[in-house]
């Protein structure tokens, strides 16, 4: 295995550990704001995992999926935050 393979394996392990810690905060967050922040951070970690997997497979197809996940994750975070603040998403 090349040195880049070892680096990718280490990075995937670190992101997976971050995902587990975010999942813990998502399930146990004391407030709704903590849960929304944990969900947003988990989305970012999922995007990182998709990009790392795309590097591992040496294909550019996964980068488009990561871009779509980023857009959906941003809209979801905005919708959850707006619902938390106002109690309604559509005005």
N, C-alpha and C. Protein backbone atom coordinates (compact mmCIF):
# COMPACT_ATOMS: atom_id res chain seq x y z
N UNK A 1 0.85 -1.17 0.00
CA UNK A 1 0.00 0.00 0.00
C UNK A 1 0.90 1.24 0.00
N UNK A 2 0.48 2.23 -0.76
CA UNK A 2 1.26 3.46 -0.86
C UNK A 2 1.05 4.35 0.37
N UNK A 3 1.90 5.33 0.56
CA UNK A 3 1.73 6.24 1.71
C UNK A 3 0.40 6.99 1.67
N UNK A 4 -0.10 7.29 0.47
CA UNK A 4 -1.40 7.98 0.39
C UNK A 4 -2.52 7.05 0.87
N UNK A 5 -2.34 5.75 0.66
CA UNK A 5 -3.33 4.79 1.14
C UNK A 5 -3.39 4.75 2.66
N UNK A 6 -2.21 4.82 3.29
CA UNK A 6 -2.17 4.86 4.75
C UNK A 6 -2.79 6.15 5.28
N UNK A 7 -2.51 7.25 4.59
CA UNK A 7 -3.08 8.54 5.02
C UNK A 7 -4.60 8.54 4.86
N UNK A 8 -5.09 7.97 3.77
CA UNK A 8 -6.54 7.90 3.58
C UNK A 8 -7.19 6.99 4.62
N UNK A 9 -6.54 5.88 4.93
CA UNK A 9 -7.08 4.99 5.97
C UNK A 9 -7.14 5.67 7.32
N UNK A 10 -6.09 6.42 7.66
CA UNK A 10 -6.07 7.16 8.92
C UNK A 10 -7.15 8.22 8.93
N UNK A 11 -7.31 8.94 7.81
CA UNK A 11 -8.33 10.00 7.73
C UNK A 11 -9.73 9.42 7.84
N UNK A 12 -9.97 8.29 7.20
CA UNK A 12 -11.29 7.65 7.28
C UNK A 12 -11.57 7.22 8.72
N UNK A 13 -10.56 6.70 9.40
CA UNK A 13 -10.73 6.32 10.81
C UNK A 13 -11.04 7.51 11.69
N UNK A 14 -10.35 8.62 11.47
CA UNK A 14 -10.60 9.84 12.27
C UNK A 14 -11.99 10.39 12.02
N UNK A 15 -12.41 10.43 10.77
CA UNK A 15 -13.75 10.94 10.45
C UNK A 15 -14.81 10.01 11.02
N UNK A 16 -14.57 8.71 10.98
CA UNK A 16 -15.53 7.75 11.56
C UNK A 16 -15.64 7.95 13.07
N UNK A 17 -14.54 8.21 13.74
CA UNK A 17 -14.58 8.48 15.17
C UNK A 17 -15.36 9.78 15.43
N UNK A 18 -15.14 10.79 14.61
CA UNK A 18 -15.90 12.03 14.74
C UNK A 18 -17.39 11.81 14.53
N UNK A 19 -17.74 10.94 13.59
CA UNK A 19 -19.15 10.64 13.35
C UNK A 19 -19.78 9.95 14.55
N UNK A 20 -19.05 9.04 15.18
CA UNK A 20 -19.58 8.37 16.37
C UNK A 20 -19.79 9.36 17.52
N UNK A 21 -18.85 10.27 17.70
CA UNK A 21 -19.00 11.26 18.76
C UNK A 21 -20.16 12.22 18.47
N UNK A 22 -20.34 12.58 17.19
CA UNK A 22 -21.48 13.43 16.82
C UNK A 22 -22.80 12.70 17.02
N UNK A 23 -22.82 11.42 16.72
CA UNK A 23 -24.03 10.64 16.92
C UNK A 23 -24.38 10.57 18.40
N UNK A 24 -23.37 10.45 19.25
CA UNK A 24 -23.61 10.46 20.70
C UNK A 24 -24.23 11.78 21.13
N UNK A 25 -23.70 12.91 20.63
CA UNK A 25 -24.24 14.22 20.99
C UNK A 25 -25.64 14.40 20.41
N UNK A 26 -25.89 13.84 19.23
CA UNK A 26 -27.21 13.94 18.62
C UNK A 26 -28.25 13.21 19.46
N UNK A 27 -27.89 12.05 19.98
CA UNK A 27 -28.84 11.27 20.76
C UNK A 27 -28.99 11.78 22.19
N UNK A 28 -27.92 12.38 22.74
CA UNK A 28 -27.93 12.77 24.14
C UNK A 28 -27.88 14.26 24.40
N UNK A 29 -27.98 15.06 23.34
CA UNK A 29 -27.87 16.50 23.52
C UNK A 29 -28.91 17.03 24.50
N UNK A 30 -28.50 17.86 25.43
CA UNK A 30 -29.46 18.33 26.43
C UNK A 30 -30.52 19.26 25.86
N UNK A 31 -30.20 20.02 24.81
CA UNK A 31 -31.19 20.94 24.25
C UNK A 31 -31.37 20.66 22.76
N UNK A 32 -32.40 21.24 22.20
CA UNK A 32 -32.65 21.07 20.76
C UNK A 32 -31.56 21.74 19.93
N UNK A 33 -31.03 22.86 20.41
CA UNK A 33 -29.95 23.53 19.70
C UNK A 33 -28.72 22.66 19.59
N UNK A 34 -28.41 21.93 20.66
CA UNK A 34 -27.27 21.00 20.62
C UNK A 34 -27.51 19.89 19.60
N UNK A 35 -28.73 19.42 19.53
CA UNK A 35 -29.04 18.35 18.56
C UNK A 35 -28.96 18.85 17.13
N UNK A 36 -29.42 20.08 16.88
CA UNK A 36 -29.33 20.65 15.54
C UNK A 36 -27.87 20.84 15.14
N UNK A 37 -27.06 21.34 16.05
CA UNK A 37 -25.64 21.52 15.77
C UNK A 37 -24.95 20.19 15.54
N UNK A 38 -25.31 19.17 16.31
CA UNK A 38 -24.72 17.84 16.12
C UNK A 38 -25.13 17.26 14.77
N UNK A 39 -26.37 17.48 14.36
CA UNK A 39 -26.83 16.99 13.06
C UNK A 39 -26.10 17.69 11.93
N UNK A 40 -25.87 18.98 12.06
CA UNK A 40 -25.14 19.72 11.04
C UNK A 40 -23.68 19.23 10.96
N UNK A 41 -23.07 19.02 12.10
CA UNK A 41 -21.69 18.53 12.12
C UNK A 41 -21.61 17.10 11.58
N UNK A 42 -22.61 16.29 11.87
CA UNK A 42 -22.66 14.93 11.33
C UNK A 42 -22.78 14.96 9.81
N UNK A 43 -23.54 15.91 9.29
CA UNK A 43 -23.66 16.06 7.84
C UNK A 43 -22.32 16.43 7.23
N UNK A 44 -21.58 17.31 7.88
CA UNK A 44 -20.26 17.69 7.39
C UNK A 44 -19.32 16.49 7.41
N UNK A 45 -19.40 15.68 8.44
CA UNK A 45 -18.56 14.48 8.51
C UNK A 45 -18.94 13.46 7.44
N UNK A 46 -20.22 13.35 7.13
CA UNK A 46 -20.65 12.44 6.06
C UNK A 46 -20.11 12.93 4.72
N UNK A 47 -20.13 14.24 4.51
CA UNK A 47 -19.57 14.80 3.28
C UNK A 47 -18.08 14.49 3.19
N UNK A 48 -17.38 14.65 4.30
CA UNK A 48 -15.94 14.33 4.31
C UNK A 48 -15.72 12.85 4.02
N UNK A 49 -16.56 11.98 4.55
CA UNK A 49 -16.41 10.55 4.31
C UNK A 49 -16.66 10.22 2.83
N UNK A 50 -17.62 10.87 2.22
CA UNK A 50 -17.89 10.63 0.80
C UNK A 50 -16.71 11.09 -0.05
N UNK A 51 -16.14 12.24 0.27
CA UNK A 51 -14.98 12.74 -0.47
C UNK A 51 -13.79 11.81 -0.28
N UNK A 52 -13.55 11.36 0.94
CA UNK A 52 -12.44 10.44 1.18
C UNK A 52 -12.64 9.12 0.44
N UNK A 53 -13.88 8.64 0.41
CA UNK A 53 -14.14 7.41 -0.33
C UNK A 53 -13.93 7.62 -1.82
N UNK A 54 -14.27 8.81 -2.32
CA UNK A 54 -14.01 9.13 -3.73
C UNK A 54 -12.52 9.15 -4.03
N UNK A 55 -11.72 9.66 -3.09
CA UNK A 55 -10.27 9.63 -3.27
C UNK A 55 -9.74 8.20 -3.23
N UNK A 56 -10.32 7.40 -2.35
CA UNK A 56 -9.90 6.00 -2.22
C UNK A 56 -10.18 5.23 -3.52
N UNK A 57 -11.34 5.47 -4.10
CA UNK A 57 -11.74 4.78 -5.33
C UNK A 57 -11.16 5.42 -6.59
N UNK A 58 -10.56 6.59 -6.45
CA UNK A 58 -9.97 7.33 -7.58
C UNK A 58 -10.97 7.62 -8.68
N UNK A 59 -12.12 8.15 -8.26
CA UNK A 59 -13.14 8.57 -9.21
C UNK A 59 -13.73 9.89 -8.76
N UNK A 60 -14.20 10.68 -9.71
CA UNK A 60 -14.75 12.00 -9.40
C UNK A 60 -16.27 11.97 -9.20
N UNK A 61 -16.88 10.81 -9.34
CA UNK A 61 -18.33 10.73 -9.21
C UNK A 61 -18.82 11.07 -7.81
N UNK A 62 -18.03 10.77 -6.82
CA UNK A 62 -18.46 10.99 -5.43
C UNK A 62 -18.45 12.47 -5.05
N UNK A 63 -17.70 13.29 -5.78
CA UNK A 63 -17.63 14.70 -5.44
C UNK A 63 -18.95 15.41 -5.74
N UNK A 64 -19.65 14.98 -6.79
CA UNK A 64 -20.96 15.53 -7.08
C UNK A 64 -21.96 15.14 -5.99
N UNK A 65 -21.86 13.92 -5.51
CA UNK A 65 -22.74 13.49 -4.41
C UNK A 65 -22.44 14.29 -3.16
N UNK A 66 -21.18 14.60 -2.90
CA UNK A 66 -20.82 15.40 -1.73
C UNK A 66 -21.38 16.81 -1.85
N UNK A 67 -21.37 17.36 -3.05
CA UNK A 67 -21.92 18.70 -3.26
C UNK A 67 -23.43 18.70 -3.02
N UNK A 68 -24.11 17.68 -3.49
CA UNK A 68 -25.56 17.59 -3.24
C UNK A 68 -25.87 17.41 -1.75
N UNK A 69 -25.07 16.60 -1.07
CA UNK A 69 -25.26 16.43 0.37
C UNK A 69 -25.03 17.75 1.12
N UNK A 70 -24.07 18.54 0.67
CA UNK A 70 -23.80 19.82 1.31
C UNK A 70 -24.99 20.77 1.16
N UNK A 71 -25.57 20.80 -0.03
CA UNK A 71 -26.72 21.68 -0.24
C UNK A 71 -27.93 21.24 0.57
N UNK A 72 -28.21 19.95 0.59
CA UNK A 72 -29.35 19.44 1.35
C UNK A 72 -29.11 19.61 2.84
N UNK A 73 -27.88 19.39 3.29
CA UNK A 73 -27.57 19.56 4.71
C UNK A 73 -27.73 21.00 5.15
N UNK A 74 -27.31 21.95 4.32
CA UNK A 74 -27.47 23.36 4.65
C UNK A 74 -28.93 23.74 4.75
N UNK A 75 -29.72 23.32 3.78
CA UNK A 75 -31.15 23.64 3.81
C UNK A 75 -31.83 22.99 5.01
N UNK A 76 -31.44 21.78 5.34
CA UNK A 76 -32.02 21.11 6.51
C UNK A 76 -31.69 21.84 7.80
N UNK A 77 -30.46 22.29 7.94
CA UNK A 77 -30.06 23.02 9.14
C UNK A 77 -30.82 24.33 9.26
N UNK A 78 -30.96 25.03 8.16
CA UNK A 78 -31.71 26.29 8.18
C UNK A 78 -33.17 26.04 8.54
N UNK A 79 -33.77 25.00 7.98
CA UNK A 79 -35.17 24.69 8.27
C UNK A 79 -35.36 24.29 9.73
N UNK A 80 -34.47 23.46 10.28
CA UNK A 80 -34.58 23.07 11.68
C UNK A 80 -34.41 24.26 12.61
N UNK A 81 -33.45 25.12 12.29
CA UNK A 81 -33.22 26.30 13.13
C UNK A 81 -34.39 27.26 13.08
N UNK A 82 -34.94 27.46 11.90
CA UNK A 82 -36.10 28.34 11.76
C UNK A 82 -37.30 27.77 12.51
N UNK A 83 -37.49 26.47 12.43
CA UNK A 83 -38.58 25.85 13.16
C UNK A 83 -38.38 25.98 14.67
N UNK A 84 -37.15 25.85 15.13
CA UNK A 84 -36.85 25.97 16.55
C UNK A 84 -37.11 27.39 17.03
N UNK A 85 -36.77 28.39 16.23
CA UNK A 85 -36.95 29.78 16.65
C UNK A 85 -38.38 30.26 16.55
N UNK A 86 -39.08 29.89 15.48
CA UNK A 86 -40.40 30.46 15.22
C UNK A 86 -41.55 29.46 15.36
N UNK A 87 -41.25 28.19 15.33
CA UNK A 87 -42.30 27.18 15.42
C UNK A 87 -42.98 26.90 14.09
N UNK A 88 -42.54 27.58 13.03
CA UNK A 88 -43.12 27.39 11.71
C UNK A 88 -42.04 27.62 10.67
N UNK A 89 -42.02 26.82 9.63
CA UNK A 89 -40.99 26.95 8.62
C UNK A 89 -41.41 27.91 7.52
N UNK A 90 -42.65 27.81 7.07
CA UNK A 90 -43.15 28.65 5.99
C UNK A 90 -43.95 29.79 6.61
N UNK A 91 -43.63 31.00 6.19
CA UNK A 91 -44.34 32.16 6.73
C UNK A 91 -45.49 32.55 5.85
